[in-house]
Amino acid sequence: MHSASRRLVDYTKVWTCVRATAGGSRTPMRIASDSNVECWSNDGKNCVWDNNCDTYVASGKSPSAPLVCGCMHKQAWGTVGYDDPNHWCNDGKKALGANPTNPNCTPTSAPTTIKHVVTRYE
């Protein structure tokens, strides 16, 4: 009797073709080192949305400048990507089982308060 074995995939290392809700195209995605979803991008701003998803993944290479959801996406597009349920960031989050630690890109520490001491001489 043979038992079925299940291979676990580490989505922080493996690029996977994920279909977008909006438009239905596929792009390679994976979980970035900061726990956010990232897409295959060569300019750091635009995911590759063409018919070559499987070719990119099979190449074993990595893109020159992946676009990462969260803070990087907010800097490039003015939104973190997770705030729209139909955005590719959410598609990747669901498909890859990502659990971003700071999906809204909120500051992680309290602002520093500086006190000024004024001395008056009369």
PDB file of N, CA and C in Angstrom:
ATOM      1  N   MET A   1       0.839  -1.174   0.000  1.00  0.00           N
ATOM      2  CA  MET A   1       0.000   0.000   0.000  1.00  0.00           C
ATOM      3  C   MET A   1       0.891   1.247   0.000  1.00  0.00           C
ATOM      4  N   HIS A   2       0.612   2.155  -0.883  1.00  0.00           N
ATOM      5  CA  HIS A   2       1.406   3.372  -0.989  1.00  0.00           C
ATOM      6  C   HIS A   2       0.681   4.517  -0.309  1.00  0.00           C
ATOM      7  N   SER A   3       1.424   5.266   0.447  1.00  0.00           N
ATOM      8  CA  SER A   3       0.809   6.441   1.066  1.00  0.00           C
ATOM      9  C   SER A   3       1.155   7.664   0.220  1.00  0.00           C
ATOM     10  N   ALA A   4       0.204   8.521   0.073  1.00  0.00           N
ATOM     11  CA  ALA A   4       0.422   9.734  -0.709  1.00  0.00           C
ATOM     12  C   ALA A   4       1.290  10.689   0.093  1.00  0.00           C
ATOM     13  N   SER A   5       2.256  11.271  -0.564  1.00  0.00           N
ATOM     14  CA  SER A   5       3.085  12.264   0.117  1.00  0.00           C
ATOM     15  C   SER A   5       2.706  13.637  -0.407  1.00  0.00           C
ATOM     16  N   ARG A   6       2.782  14.587   0.468  1.00  0.00           N
ATOM     17  CA  ARG A   6       2.416  15.944   0.103  1.00  0.00           C
ATOM     18  C   ARG A   6       3.661  16.814   0.166  1.00  0.00           C
ATOM     19  N   ARG A   7       3.922  17.506  -0.883  1.00  0.00           N
ATOM     20  CA  ARG A   7       5.083  18.377  -0.937  1.00  0.00           C
ATOM     21  C   ARG A   7       4.661  19.774  -0.507  1.00  0.00           C
ATOM     22  N   LEU A   8       5.337  20.300   0.489  1.00  0.00           N
ATOM     23  CA  LEU A   8       5.050  21.653   0.938  1.00  0.00           C
ATOM     24  C   LEU A   8       5.852  22.631   0.091  1.00  0.00           C
ATOM     25  N   VAL A   9       5.224  23.704  -0.298  1.00  0.00           N
ATOM     26  CA  VAL A   9       5.884  24.701  -1.132  1.00  0.00           C
ATOM     27  C   VAL A   9       6.198  25.920  -0.285  1.00  0.00           C
ATOM     28  N   ASP A  10       7.431  26.372  -0.349  1.00  0.00           N
ATOM     29  CA  ASP A  10       7.834  27.590   0.347  1.00  0.00           C
ATOM     30  C   ASP A  10       7.657  28.750  -0.630  1.00  0.00           C
ATOM     31  N   TYR A  11       6.561  29.484  -0.493  1.00  0.00           N
ATOM     32  CA  TYR A  11       6.244  30.556  -1.430  1.00  0.00           C
ATOM     33  C   TYR A  11       7.121  31.789  -1.252  1.00  0.00           C
ATOM     34  N   THR A  12       8.064  31.756  -0.289  1.00  0.00           N
ATOM     35  CA  THR A  12       9.004  32.866  -0.184  1.00  0.00           C
ATOM     36  C   THR A  12      10.162  32.678  -1.155  1.00  0.00           C
ATOM     37  N   LYS A  13      10.281  31.491  -1.725  1.00  0.00           N
ATOM     38  CA  LYS A  13      11.378  31.226  -2.653  1.00  0.00           C
ATOM     39  C   LYS A  13      10.893  30.904  -4.058  1.00  0.00           C
ATOM     40  N   VAL A  14       9.689  30.401  -4.175  1.00  0.00           N
ATOM     41  CA  VAL A  14       9.182  29.907  -5.453  1.00  0.00           C
ATOM     42  C   VAL A  14       8.231  30.920  -6.092  1.00  0.00           C
ATOM     43  N   TRP A  15       8.500  31.256  -7.347  1.00  0.00           N
ATOM     44  CA  TRP A  15       7.574  32.092  -8.106  1.00  0.00           C
ATOM     45  C   TRP A  15       6.444  31.203  -8.601  1.00  0.00           C
ATOM     46  N   THR A  16       5.217  31.691  -8.477  1.00  0.00           N
ATOM     47  CA  THR A  16       4.032  30.932  -8.843  1.00  0.00           C
ATOM     48  C   THR A  16       3.122  31.807  -9.688  1.00  0.00           C
ATOM     49  N   CYS A  17       2.589  31.265 -10.768  1.00  0.00           N
ATOM     50  CA  CYS A  17       1.647  32.023 -11.594  1.00  0.00           C
ATOM     51  C   CYS A  17       0.319  32.136 -10.858  1.00  0.00           C
ATOM     52  N   VAL A  18      -0.124  33.364 -10.680  1.00  0.00           N
ATOM     53  CA  VAL A  18      -1.387  33.637  -9.993  1.00  0.00           C
ATOM     54  C   VAL A  18      -2.269  34.435 -10.938  1.00  0.00           C
ATOM     55  N   ARG A  19      -3.528  34.013 -11.048  1.00  0.00           N
ATOM     56  CA  ARG A  19      -4.498  34.701 -11.910  1.00  0.00           C
ATOM     57  C   ARG A  19      -5.123  35.863 -11.148  1.00  0.00           C
ATOM     58  N   ALA A  20      -5.189  37.004 -11.798  1.00  0.00           N
ATOM     59  CA  ALA A  20      -5.780  38.194 -11.195  1.00  0.00           C
ATOM     60  C   ALA A  20      -7.294  38.165 -11.340  1.00  0.00           C
ATOM     61  N   THR A  21      -7.986  38.620 -10.311  1.00  0.00           N
ATOM     62  CA  THR A  21      -9.444  38.722 -10.349  1.00  0.00           C
ATOM     63  C   THR A  21      -9.863  39.699 -11.441  1.00  0.00           C
ATOM     64  N   ALA A  22      -9.213  40.857 -11.466  1.00  0.00           N
ATOM     65  CA  ALA A  22      -9.520  41.877 -12.465  1.00  0.00           C
ATOM     66  C   ALA A  22      -8.746  41.566 -13.742  1.00  0.00           C
ATOM     67  N   GLY A  23      -9.434  41.243 -14.806  1.00  0.00           N
ATOM     68  CA  GLY A  23      -8.796  41.007 -16.091  1.00  0.00           C
ATOM     69  C   GLY A  23      -8.479  39.558 -16.405  1.00  0.00           C
ATOM     70  N   GLY A  24      -8.245  38.748 -15.390  1.00  0.00           N
ATOM     71  CA  GLY A  24      -8.003  37.328 -15.611  1.00  0.00           C
ATOM     72  C   GLY A  24      -6.616  36.941 -16.085  1.00  0.00           C
ATOM     73  N   SER A  25      -5.707  37.908 -16.234  1.00  0.00           N
ATOM     74  CA  SER A  25      -4.343  37.587 -16.641  1.00  0.00           C
ATOM     75  C   SER A  25      -3.577  36.974 -15.480  1.00  0.00           C
ATOM     76  N   ARG A  26      -2.440  36.346 -15.800  1.00  0.00           N
ATOM     77  CA  ARG A  26      -1.604  35.750 -14.761  1.00  0.00           C
ATOM     78  C   ARG A  26      -0.245  36.437 -14.724  1.00  0.00           C
ATOM     79  N   THR A  27       0.330  36.506 -13.532  1.00  0.00           N
ATOM     80  CA  THR A  27       1.679  37.027 -13.356  1.00  0.00           C
ATOM     81  C   THR A  27       2.366  36.214 -12.270  1.00  0.00           C
ATOM     82  N   PRO A  28       3.690  36.052 -12.340  1.00  0.00           N
ATOM     83  CA  PRO A  28       4.385  35.352 -11.270  1.00  0.00           C
ATOM     84  C   PRO A  28       4.350  36.171  -9.976  1.00  0.00           C
ATOM     85  N   MET A  29       4.062  35.491  -8.872  1.00  0.00           N
ATOM     86  CA  MET A  29       4.058  36.118  -7.554  1.00  0.00           C
ATOM     87  C   MET A  29       4.726  35.188  -6.556  1.00  0.00           C
ATOM     88  N   ARG A  30       5.181  35.775  -5.465  1.00  0.00           N
ATOM     89  CA  ARG A  30       5.702  35.008  -4.337  1.00  0.00           C
ATOM     90  C   ARG A  30       5.602  35.884  -3.100  1.00  0.00           C
ATOM     91  N   ILE A  31       5.936  35.309  -1.950  1.00  0.00           N
ATOM     92  CA  ILE A  31       5.931  36.071  -0.708  1.00  0.00           C
ATOM     93  C   ILE A  31       7.323  36.665  -0.526  1.00  0.00           C
ATOM     94  N   ALA A  32       7.378  37.986  -0.374  1.00  0.00           N
ATOM     95  CA  ALA A  32       8.651  38.695  -0.210  1.00  0.00           C
ATOM     96  C   ALA A  32       9.223  38.452   1.184  1.00  0.00           C
ATOM     97  N   SER A  33      10.465  38.810   1.381  1.00  0.00           N
ATOM     98  CA  SER A  33      11.134  38.595   2.665  1.00  0.00           C
ATOM     99  C   SER A  33      10.467  39.356   3.807  1.00  0.00           C
ATOM    100  N   ASP A  34       9.713  40.422   3.495  1.00  0.00           N
ATOM    101  CA  ASP A  34       9.017  41.179   4.545  1.00  0.00           C
ATOM    102  C   ASP A  34       7.598  40.665   4.780  1.00  0.00           C
ATOM    103  N   SER A  35       7.240  39.530   4.217  1.00  0.00           N
ATOM    104  CA  SER A  35       5.956  38.824   4.345  1.00  0.00           C
ATOM    105  C   SER A  35       4.841  39.385   3.463  1.00  0.00           C
ATOM    106  N   ASN A  36       5.127  40.386   2.651  1.00  0.00           N
ATOM    107  CA  ASN A  36       4.156  40.902   1.692  1.00  0.00           C
ATOM    108  C   ASN A  36       4.234  40.100   0.398  1.00  0.00           C
ATOM    109  N   VAL A  37       3.205  40.223  -0.413  1.00  0.00           N
ATOM    110  CA  VAL A  37       3.187  39.592  -1.732  1.00  0.00           C
ATOM    111  C   VAL A  37       3.994  40.472  -2.683  1.00  0.00           C
ATOM    112  N   GLU A  38       4.746  39.849  -3.570  1.00  0.00           N
ATOM    113  CA  GLU A  38       5.449  40.599  -4.607  1.00  0.00           C
ATOM    114  C   GLU A  38       5.164  39.969  -5.961  1.00  0.00           C
ATOM    115  N   CYS A  39       5.164  40.816  -6.985  1.00  0.00           N
ATOM    116  CA  CYS A  39       4.956  40.316  -8.344  1.00  0.00           C
ATOM    117  C   CYS A  39       6.230  40.491  -9.150  1.00  0.00           C
ATOM    118  N   TRP A  40       6.313  39.750 -10.234  1.00  0.00           N
ATOM    119  CA  TRP A  40       7.450  39.819 -11.143  1.00  0.00           C
ATOM    120  C   TRP A  40       7.385  41.154 -11.871  1.00  0.00           C
ATOM    121  N   SER A  41       8.377  41.970 -11.671  1.00  0.00           N
ATOM    122  CA  SER A  41       8.448  43.275 -12.314  1.00  0.00           C
ATOM    123  C   SER A  41       9.892  43.540 -12.702  1.00  0.00           C
ATOM    124  N   ASN A  42      10.074  44.188 -13.816  1.00  0.00           N
ATOM    125  CA  ASN A  42      11.421  44.541 -14.249  1.00  0.00           C
ATOM    126  C   ASN A  42      11.729  46.017 -14.055  1.00  0.00           C
ATOM    127  N   ASP A  43      10.716  46.782 -13.596  1.00  0.00           N
ATOM    128  CA  ASP A  43      10.947  48.206 -13.370  1.00  0.00           C
ATOM    129  C   ASP A  43      10.580  48.656 -11.954  1.00  0.00           C
ATOM    130  N   GLY A  44      10.150  47.736 -11.094  1.00  0.00           N
ATOM    131  CA  GLY A  44       9.795  48.085  -9.721  1.00  0.00           C
ATOM    132  C   GLY A  44       8.468  48.805  -9.593  1.00  0.00           C
ATOM    133  N   LYS A  45       7.718  48.886 -10.684  1.00  0.00           N
ATOM    134  CA  LYS A  45       6.431  49.587 -10.648  1.00  0.00           C
ATOM    135  C   LYS A  45       5.302  48.808 -11.308  1.00  0.00           C
ATOM    136  N   ASN A  46       5.595  48.060 -12.334  1.00  0.00           N
ATOM    137  CA  ASN A  46       4.565  47.357 -13.100  1.00  0.00           C
ATOM    138  C   ASN A  46       4.825  45.856 -13.119  1.00  0.00           C
ATOM    139  N   CYS A  47       3.803  45.082 -12.754  1.00  0.00           N
ATOM    140  CA  CYS A  47       3.907  43.628 -12.864  1.00  0.00           C
ATOM    141  C   CYS A  47       3.893  43.257 -14.346  1.00  0.00           C
ATOM    142  N   VAL A  48       4.510  42.133 -14.687  1.00  0.00           N
ATOM    143  CA  VAL A  48       4.428  41.667 -16.077  1.00  0.00           C
ATOM    144  C   VAL A  48       3.103  40.930 -16.252  1.00  0.00           C
ATOM    145  N   TRP A  49       2.271  41.449 -17.112  1.00  0.00           N
ATOM    146  CA  TRP A  49       0.968  40.846 -17.410  1.00  0.00           C
ATOM    147  C   TRP A  49       0.981  40.470 -18.877  1.00  0.00           C
ATOM    148  N   ASP A  50       1.544  39.336 -19.196  1.00  0.00           N
ATOM    149  CA  ASP A  50       1.562  38.869 -20.578  1.00  0.00           C
ATOM    150  C   ASP A  50       1.327  37.362 -20.576  1.00  0.00           C
ATOM    151  N   ASN A  51       1.526  36.728 -21.697  1.00  0.00           N
ATOM    152  CA  ASN A  51       1.264  35.290 -21.808  1.00  0.00           C
ATOM    153  C   ASN A  51       2.477  34.430 -21.470  1.00  0.00           C
ATOM    154  N   ASN A  52       3.482  35.013 -20.813  1.00  0.00           N
ATOM    155  CA  ASN A  52       4.721  34.293 -20.551  1.00  0.00           C
ATOM    156  C   ASN A  52       4.915  33.903 -19.091  1.00  0.00           C
ATOM    157  N   CYS A  53       3.870  33.885 -18.300  1.00  0.00           N
ATOM    158  CA  CYS A  53       3.999  33.592 -16.872  1.00  0.00           C
ATOM    159  C   CYS A  53       4.730  32.271 -16.632  1.00  0.00           C
ATOM    160  N   ASP A  54       4.306  31.220 -17.303  1.00  0.00           N
ATOM    161  CA  ASP A  54       4.937  29.910 -17.106  1.00  0.00           C
ATOM    162  C   ASP A  54       6.412  29.924 -17.509  1.00  0.00           C
ATOM    163  N   THR A  55       6.745  30.686 -18.533  1.00  0.00           N
ATOM    164  CA  THR A  55       8.130  30.791 -18.987  1.00  0.00           C
ATOM    165  C   THR A  55       8.995  31.477 -17.938  1.00  0.00           C
ATOM    166  N   TYR A  56       8.477  32.569 -17.345  1.00  0.00           N
ATOM    167  CA  TYR A  56       9.225  33.261 -16.289  1.00  0.00           C
ATOM    168  C   TYR A  56       9.497  32.318 -15.120  1.00  0.00           C
ATOM    169  N   VAL A  57       8.458  31.625 -14.675  1.00  0.00           N
ATOM    170  CA  VAL A  57       8.584  30.723 -13.529  1.00  0.00           C
ATOM    171  C   VAL A  57       9.561  29.586 -13.837  1.00  0.00           C
ATOM    172  N   ALA A  58       9.452  29.000 -15.032  1.00  0.00           N
ATOM    173  CA  ALA A  58      10.310  27.871 -15.408  1.00  0.00           C
ATOM    174  C   ALA A  58      11.770  28.274 -15.605  1.00  0.00           C
ATOM    175  N   SER A  59      12.025  29.562 -15.815  1.00  0.00           N
ATOM    176  CA  SER A  59      13.395  30.018 -16.079  1.00  0.00           C
ATOM    177  C   SER A  59      14.314  29.842 -14.872  1.00  0.00           C
ATOM    178  N   GLY A  60      13.729  29.789 -13.676  1.00  0.00           N
ATOM    179  CA  GLY A  60      14.544  29.678 -12.468  1.00  0.00           C
ATOM    180  C   GLY A  60      15.229  30.977 -12.091  1.00  0.00           C
ATOM    181  N   LYS A  61      14.951  32.019 -12.836  1.00  0.00           N
ATOM    182  CA  LYS A  61      15.552  33.329 -12.574  1.00  0.00           C
ATOM    183  C   LYS A  61      14.620  34.164 -11.712  1.00  0.00           C
ATOM    184  N   SER A  62      15.088  35.331 -11.327  1.00  0.00           N
ATOM    185  CA  SER A  62      14.267  36.298 -10.604  1.00  0.00           C
ATOM    186  C   SER A  62      14.240  37.592 -11.403  1.00  0.00           C
ATOM    187  N   PRO A  63      13.180  38.370 -11.245  1.00  0.00           N
ATOM    188  CA  PRO A  63      13.094  39.631 -11.983  1.00  0.00           C
ATOM    189  C   PRO A  63      14.114  40.637 -11.461  1.00  0.00           C
ATOM    190  N   SER A  64      14.396  41.647 -12.262  1.00  0.00           N
ATOM    191  CA  SER A  64      15.380  42.651 -11.864  1.00  0.00           C
ATOM    192  C   SER A  64      14.878  43.570 -10.761  1.00  0.00           C
ATOM    193  N   ALA A  65      13.570  43.800 -10.675  1.00  0.00           N
ATOM    194  CA  ALA A  65      13.041  44.725  -9.666  1.00  0.00           C
ATOM    195  C   ALA A  65      11.603  44.354  -9.307  1.00  0.00           C
ATOM    196  N   PRO A  66      11.381  43.325  -8.469  1.00  0.00           N
ATOM    197  CA  PRO A  66      10.015  42.942  -8.109  1.00  0.00           C
ATOM    198  C   PRO A  66       9.256  44.092  -7.448  1.00  0.00           C
ATOM    199  N   LEU A  67       7.944  44.114  -7.662  1.00  0.00           N
ATOM    200  CA  LEU A  67       7.079  45.104  -7.014  1.00  0.00           C
ATOM    201  C   LEU A  67       6.434  44.440  -5.811  1.00  0.00           C
ATOM    202  N   VAL A  68       6.652  45.010  -4.626  1.00  0.00           N
ATOM    203  CA  VAL A  68       6.164  44.433  -3.376  1.00  0.00           C
ATOM    204  C   VAL A  68       4.947  45.210  -2.893  1.00  0.00           C
ATOM    205  N   CYS A  69       3.879  44.494  -2.553  1.00  0.00           N
ATOM    206  CA  CYS A  69       2.680  45.121  -1.992  1.00  0.00           C
ATOM    207  C   CYS A  69       3.032  45.748  -0.643  1.00  0.00           C
ATOM    208  N   GLY A  70       2.191  46.664  -0.188  1.00  0.00           N
ATOM    209  CA  GLY A  70       2.460  47.331   1.082  1.00  0.00           C
ATOM    210  C   GLY A  70       3.150  48.663   0.845  1.00  0.00           C
ATOM    211  N   CYS A  71       4.221  48.923   1.584  1.00  0.00           N
ATOM    212  CA  CYS A  71       4.890  50.226   1.532  1.00  0.00           C
ATOM    213  C   CYS A  71       5.463  50.560   0.156  1.00  0.00           C
ATOM    214  N   MET A  72       6.104  49.583  -0.493  1.00  0.00           N
ATOM    215  CA  MET A  72       6.681  49.853  -1.811  1.00  0.00           C
ATOM    216  C   MET A  72       5.582  50.171  -2.825  1.00  0.00           C
ATOM    217  N   HIS A  73       4.501  49.396  -2.789  1.00  0.00           N
ATOM    218  CA  HIS A  73       3.380  49.640  -3.704  1.00  0.00           C
ATOM    219  C   HIS A  73       2.765  51.010  -3.422  1.00  0.00           C
ATOM    220  N   LYS A  74       2.678  51.378  -2.148  1.00  0.00           N
ATOM    221  CA  LYS A  74       2.119  52.684  -1.773  1.00  0.00           C
ATOM    222  C   LYS A  74       2.987  53.814  -2.317  1.00  0.00           C
ATOM    223  N   GLN A  75       4.294  53.646  -2.250  1.00  0.00           N
ATOM    224  CA  GLN A  75       5.200  54.664  -2.774  1.00  0.00           C
ATOM    225  C   GLN A  75       5.053  54.801  -4.291  1.00  0.00           C
ATOM    226  N   ALA A  76       4.874  53.686  -4.981  1.00  0.00           N
ATOM    227  CA  ALA A  76       4.764  53.707  -6.444  1.00  0.00           C
ATOM    228  C   ALA A  76       3.384  54.133  -6.932  1.00  0.00           C
ATOM    229  N   TRP A  77       2.315  53.698  -6.231  1.00  0.00           N
ATOM    230  CA  TRP A  77       0.954  53.872  -6.735  1.00  0.00           C
ATOM    231  C   TRP A  77       0.018  54.640  -5.810  1.00  0.00           C
ATOM    232  N   GLY A  78       0.458  54.995  -4.602  1.00  0.00           N
ATOM    233  CA  GLY A  78      -0.395  55.747  -3.684  1.00  0.00           C
ATOM    234  C   GLY A  78      -1.353  54.888  -2.880  1.00  0.00           C
ATOM    235  N   THR A  79      -1.263  53.585  -3.015  1.00  0.00           N
ATOM    236  CA  THR A  79      -2.106  52.648  -2.279  1.00  0.00           C
ATOM    237  C   THR A  79      -1.283  51.403  -1.969  1.00  0.00           C
ATOM    238  N   VAL A  80      -1.594  50.729  -0.857  1.00  0.00           N
ATOM    239  CA  VAL A  80      -0.829  49.537  -0.478  1.00  0.00           C
ATOM    240  C   VAL A  80      -1.195  48.311  -1.311  1.00  0.00           C
ATOM    241  N   GLY A  81      -2.343  48.358  -1.989  1.00  0.00           N
ATOM    242  CA  GLY A  81      -2.782  47.232  -2.814  1.00  0.00           C
ATOM    243  C   GLY A  81      -3.750  46.303  -2.111  1.00  0.00           C
ATOM    244  N   TYR A  82      -3.593  46.138  -0.811  1.00  0.00           N
ATOM    245  CA  TYR A  82      -4.478  45.241  -0.062  1.00  0.00           C
ATOM    246  C   TYR A  82      -5.834  45.882   0.236  1.00  0.00           C
ATOM    247  N   ASP A  83      -5.946  47.192   0.064  1.00  0.00           N
ATOM    248  CA  ASP A  83      -7.186  47.897   0.392  1.00  0.00           C
ATOM    249  C   ASP A  83      -8.280  47.714  -0.656  1.00  0.00           C
ATOM    250  N   ASP A  84      -7.954  47.131  -1.797  1.00  0.00           N
ATOM    251  CA  ASP A  84      -8.930  46.843  -2.846  1.00  0.00           C
ATOM    252  C   ASP A  84      -9.077  45.321  -2.951  1.00  0.00           C
ATOM    253  N   PRO A  85     -10.278  44.785  -2.674  1.00  0.00           N
ATOM    254  CA  PRO A  85     -10.449  43.328  -2.692  1.00  0.00           C
ATOM    255  C   PRO A  85     -10.185  42.690  -4.058  1.00  0.00           C
ATOM    256  N   ASN A  86     -10.235  43.465  -5.142  1.00  0.00           N
ATOM    257  CA  ASN A  86      -9.994  42.929  -6.484  1.00  0.00           C
ATOM    258  C   ASN A  86      -8.580  43.198  -6.993  1.00  0.00           C
ATOM    259  N   HIS A  87      -7.715  43.702  -6.134  1.00  0.00           N
ATOM    260  CA  HIS A  87      -6.344  44.021  -6.528  1.00  0.00           C
ATOM    261  C   HIS A  87      -5.492  42.758  -6.547  1.00  0.00           C
ATOM    262  N   TRP A  88      -4.473  42.735  -7.396  1.00  0.00           N
ATOM    263  CA  TRP A  88      -3.602  41.563  -7.496  1.00  0.00           C
ATOM    264  C   TRP A  88      -2.903  41.245  -6.174  1.00  0.00           C
ATOM    265  N   CYS A  89      -2.668  42.245  -5.328  1.00  0.00           N
ATOM    266  CA  CYS A  89      -2.043  41.986  -4.021  1.00  0.00           C
ATOM    267  C   CYS A  89      -2.914  41.033  -3.202  1.00  0.00           C
ATOM    268  N   ASN A  90      -4.224  41.243  -3.235  1.00  0.00           N
ATOM    269  CA  ASN A  90      -5.136  40.346  -2.515  1.00  0.00           C
ATOM    270  C   ASN A  90      -5.245  38.988  -3.196  1.00  0.00           C
ATOM    271  N   ASP A  91      -5.186  38.972  -4.522  1.00  0.00           N
ATOM    272  CA  ASP A  91      -5.198  37.686  -5.234  1.00  0.00           C
ATOM    273  C   ASP A  91      -3.994  36.850  -4.815  1.00  0.00           C
ATOM    274  N   GLY A  92      -2.831  37.482  -4.771  1.00  0.00           N
ATOM    275  CA  GLY A  92      -1.618  36.783  -4.362  1.00  0.00           C
ATOM    276  C   GLY A  92      -1.648  36.372  -2.902  1.00  0.00           C
ATOM    277  N   LYS A  93      -2.167  37.248  -2.070  1.00  0.00           N
ATOM    278  CA  LYS A  93      -2.270  36.949  -0.632  1.00  0.00           C
ATOM    279  C   LYS A  93      -3.099  35.690  -0.408  1.00  0.00           C
ATOM    280  N   LYS A  94      -4.221  35.607  -1.105  1.00  0.00           N
ATOM    281  CA  LYS A  94      -5.106  34.450  -0.965  1.00  0.00           C
ATOM    282  C   LYS A  94      -4.479  33.191  -1.575  1.00  0.00           C
ATOM    283  N   ALA A  95      -3.956  33.306  -2.783  1.00  0.00           N
ATOM    284  CA  ALA A  95      -3.407  32.143  -3.490  1.00  0.00           C
ATOM    285  C   ALA A  95      -2.171  31.568  -2.802  1.00  0.00           C
ATOM    286  N   LEU A  96      -1.344  32.434  -2.228  1.00  0.00           N
ATOM    287  CA  LEU A  96      -0.088  31.991  -1.626  1.00  0.00           C
ATOM    288  C   LEU A  96      -0.182  31.787  -0.117  1.00  0.00           C
ATOM    289  N   GLY A  97      -1.314  32.193   0.466  1.00  0.00           N
ATOM    290  CA  GLY A  97      -1.461  32.070   1.916  1.00  0.00           C
ATOM    291  C   GLY A  97      -0.582  33.046   2.673  1.00  0.00           C
ATOM    292  N   ALA A  98      -0.352  34.212   2.094  1.00  0.00           N
ATOM    293  CA  ALA A  98       0.506  35.218   2.726  1.00  0.00           C
ATOM    294  C   ALA A  98      -0.189  35.845   3.928  1.00  0.00           C
ATOM    295  N   ASN A  99       0.596  36.239   4.894  1.00  0.00           N
ATOM    296  CA  ASN A  99       0.090  36.908   6.085  1.00  0.00           C
ATOM    297  C   ASN A  99       1.009  38.096   6.382  1.00  0.00           C
ATOM    298  N   PRO A 100       0.857  39.197   5.627  1.00  0.00           N
ATOM    299  CA  PRO A 100       1.743  40.349   5.803  1.00  0.00           C
ATOM    300  C   PRO A 100       1.701  40.892   7.230  1.00  0.00           C
ATOM    301  N   THR A 101       2.865  41.212   7.769  1.00  0.00           N
ATOM    302  CA  THR A 101       2.923  41.712   9.142  1.00  0.00           C
ATOM    303  C   THR A 101       2.473  43.161   9.253  1.00  0.00           C
ATOM    304  N   ASN A 102       2.612  43.949   8.188  1.00  0.00           N
ATOM    305  CA  ASN A 102       2.200  45.349   8.218  1.00  0.00           C
ATOM    306  C   ASN A 102       1.543  45.707   6.885  1.00  0.00           C
ATOM    307  N   PRO A 103       0.381  45.115   6.590  1.00  0.00           N
ATOM    308  CA  PRO A 103      -0.236  45.301   5.271  1.00  0.00           C
ATOM    309  C   PRO A 103      -0.661  46.733   4.970  1.00  0.00           C
ATOM    310  N   ASN A 104      -0.908  47.540   5.984  1.00  0.00           N
ATOM    311  CA  ASN A 104      -1.352  48.912   5.757  1.00  0.00           C
ATOM    312  C   ASN A 104      -0.214  49.918   5.761  1.00  0.00           C
ATOM    313  N   CYS A 105       1.015  49.430   5.948  1.00  0.00           N
ATOM    314  CA  CYS A 105       2.199  50.286   5.926  1.00  0.00           C
ATOM    315  C   CYS A 105       2.107  51.390   6.977  1.00  0.00           C
ATOM    316  N   THR A 106       1.697  51.009   8.165  1.00  0.00           N
ATOM    317  CA  THR A 106       1.607  51.980   9.252  1.00  0.00           C
ATOM    318  C   THR A 106       2.970  52.128   9.921  1.00  0.00           C
ATOM    319  N   PRO A 107       3.285  53.319  10.427  1.00  0.00           N
ATOM    320  CA  PRO A 107       4.566  53.511  11.121  1.00  0.00           C
ATOM    321  C   PRO A 107       4.688  52.523  12.280  1.00  0.00           C
ATOM    322  N   THR A 108       5.886  51.991  12.465  1.00  0.00           N
ATOM    323  CA  THR A 108       6.081  50.963  13.481  1.00  0.00           C
ATOM    324  C   THR A 108       6.501  51.506  14.831  1.00  0.00           C
ATOM    325  N   SER A 109       6.886  52.761  14.911  1.00  0.00           N
ATOM    326  CA  SER A 109       7.266  53.310  16.210  1.00  0.00           C
ATOM    327  C   SER A 109       6.630  54.675  16.404  1.00  0.00           C
ATOM    328  N   ALA A 110       6.523  55.065  17.666  1.00  0.00           N
ATOM    329  CA  ALA A 110       5.929  56.359  17.997  1.00  0.00           C
ATOM    330  C   ALA A 110       6.892  57.473  17.589  1.00  0.00           C
ATOM    331  N   PRO A 111       6.361  58.616  17.187  1.00  0.00           N
ATOM    332  CA  PRO A 111       7.236  59.728  16.816  1.00  0.00           C
ATOM    333  C   PRO A 111       8.044  60.210  18.022  1.00  0.00           C
ATOM    334  N   THR A 112       9.215  60.715  17.732  1.00  0.00           N
ATOM    335  CA  THR A 112      10.085  61.233  18.781  1.00  0.00           C
ATOM    336  C   THR A 112       9.631  62.625  19.171  1.00  0.00           C
ATOM    337  N   THR A 113       9.583  62.882  20.467  1.00  0.00           N
ATOM    338  CA  THR A 113       9.208  64.197  20.975  1.00  0.00           C
ATOM    339  C   THR A 113      10.471  64.934  21.385  1.00  0.00           C
ATOM    340  N   ILE A 114      10.620  66.136  20.911  1.00  0.00           N
ATOM    341  CA  ILE A 114      11.777  66.953  21.258  1.00  0.00           C
ATOM    342  C   ILE A 114      11.295  68.101  22.120  1.00  0.00           C
ATOM    343  N   LYS A 115      11.933  68.261  23.258  1.00  0.00           N
ATOM    344  CA  LYS A 115      11.579  69.357  24.156  1.00  0.00           C
ATOM    345  C   LYS A 115      12.655  70.421  24.061  1.00  0.00           C
ATOM    346  N   HIS A 116      12.209  71.661  24.033  1.00  0.00           N
ATOM    347  CA  HIS A 116      13.138  72.785  24.009  1.00  0.00           C
ATOM    348  C   HIS A 116      13.072  73.477  25.359  1.00  0.00           C
ATOM    349  N   VAL A 117      14.223  73.752  25.910  1.00  0.00           N
ATOM    350  CA  VAL A 117      14.289  74.477  27.174  1.00  0.00           C
ATOM    351  C   VAL A 117      14.692  75.904  26.853  1.00  0.00           C
ATOM    352  N   VAL A 118      13.890  76.835  27.324  1.00  0.00           N
ATOM    353  CA  VAL A 118      14.173  78.245  27.088  1.00  0.00           C
ATOM    354  C   VAL A 118      14.586  78.867  28.412  1.00  0.00           C
ATOM    355  N   THR A 119      15.730  79.473  28.409  1.00  0.00           N
ATOM    356  CA  THR A 119      16.211  80.149  29.613  1.00  0.00           C
ATOM    357  C   THR A 119      16.154  81.642  29.368  1.00  0.00           C
ATOM    358  N   ARG A 120      15.544  82.346  30.296  1.00  0.00           N
ATOM    359  CA  ARG A 120      15.457  83.801  30.174  1.00  0.00           C
ATOM    360  C   ARG A 120      16.387  84.433  31.190  1.00  0.00           C
ATOM    361  N   TYR A 121      17.143  85.377  30.736  1.00  0.00           N
ATOM    362  CA  TYR A 121      18.014  86.144  31.627  1.00  0.00           C
ATOM    363  C   TYR A 121      17.467  87.556  31.702  1.00  0.00           C
ATOM    364  N   GLU A 122      17.293  88.032  32.909  1.00  0.00           N
ATOM    365  CA  GLU A 122      16.765  89.399  33.051  1.00  0.00           C
ATOM    366  C   GLU A 122      17.748  90.266  33.764  1.00  0.00           C
TER     367      GLU A 122
END
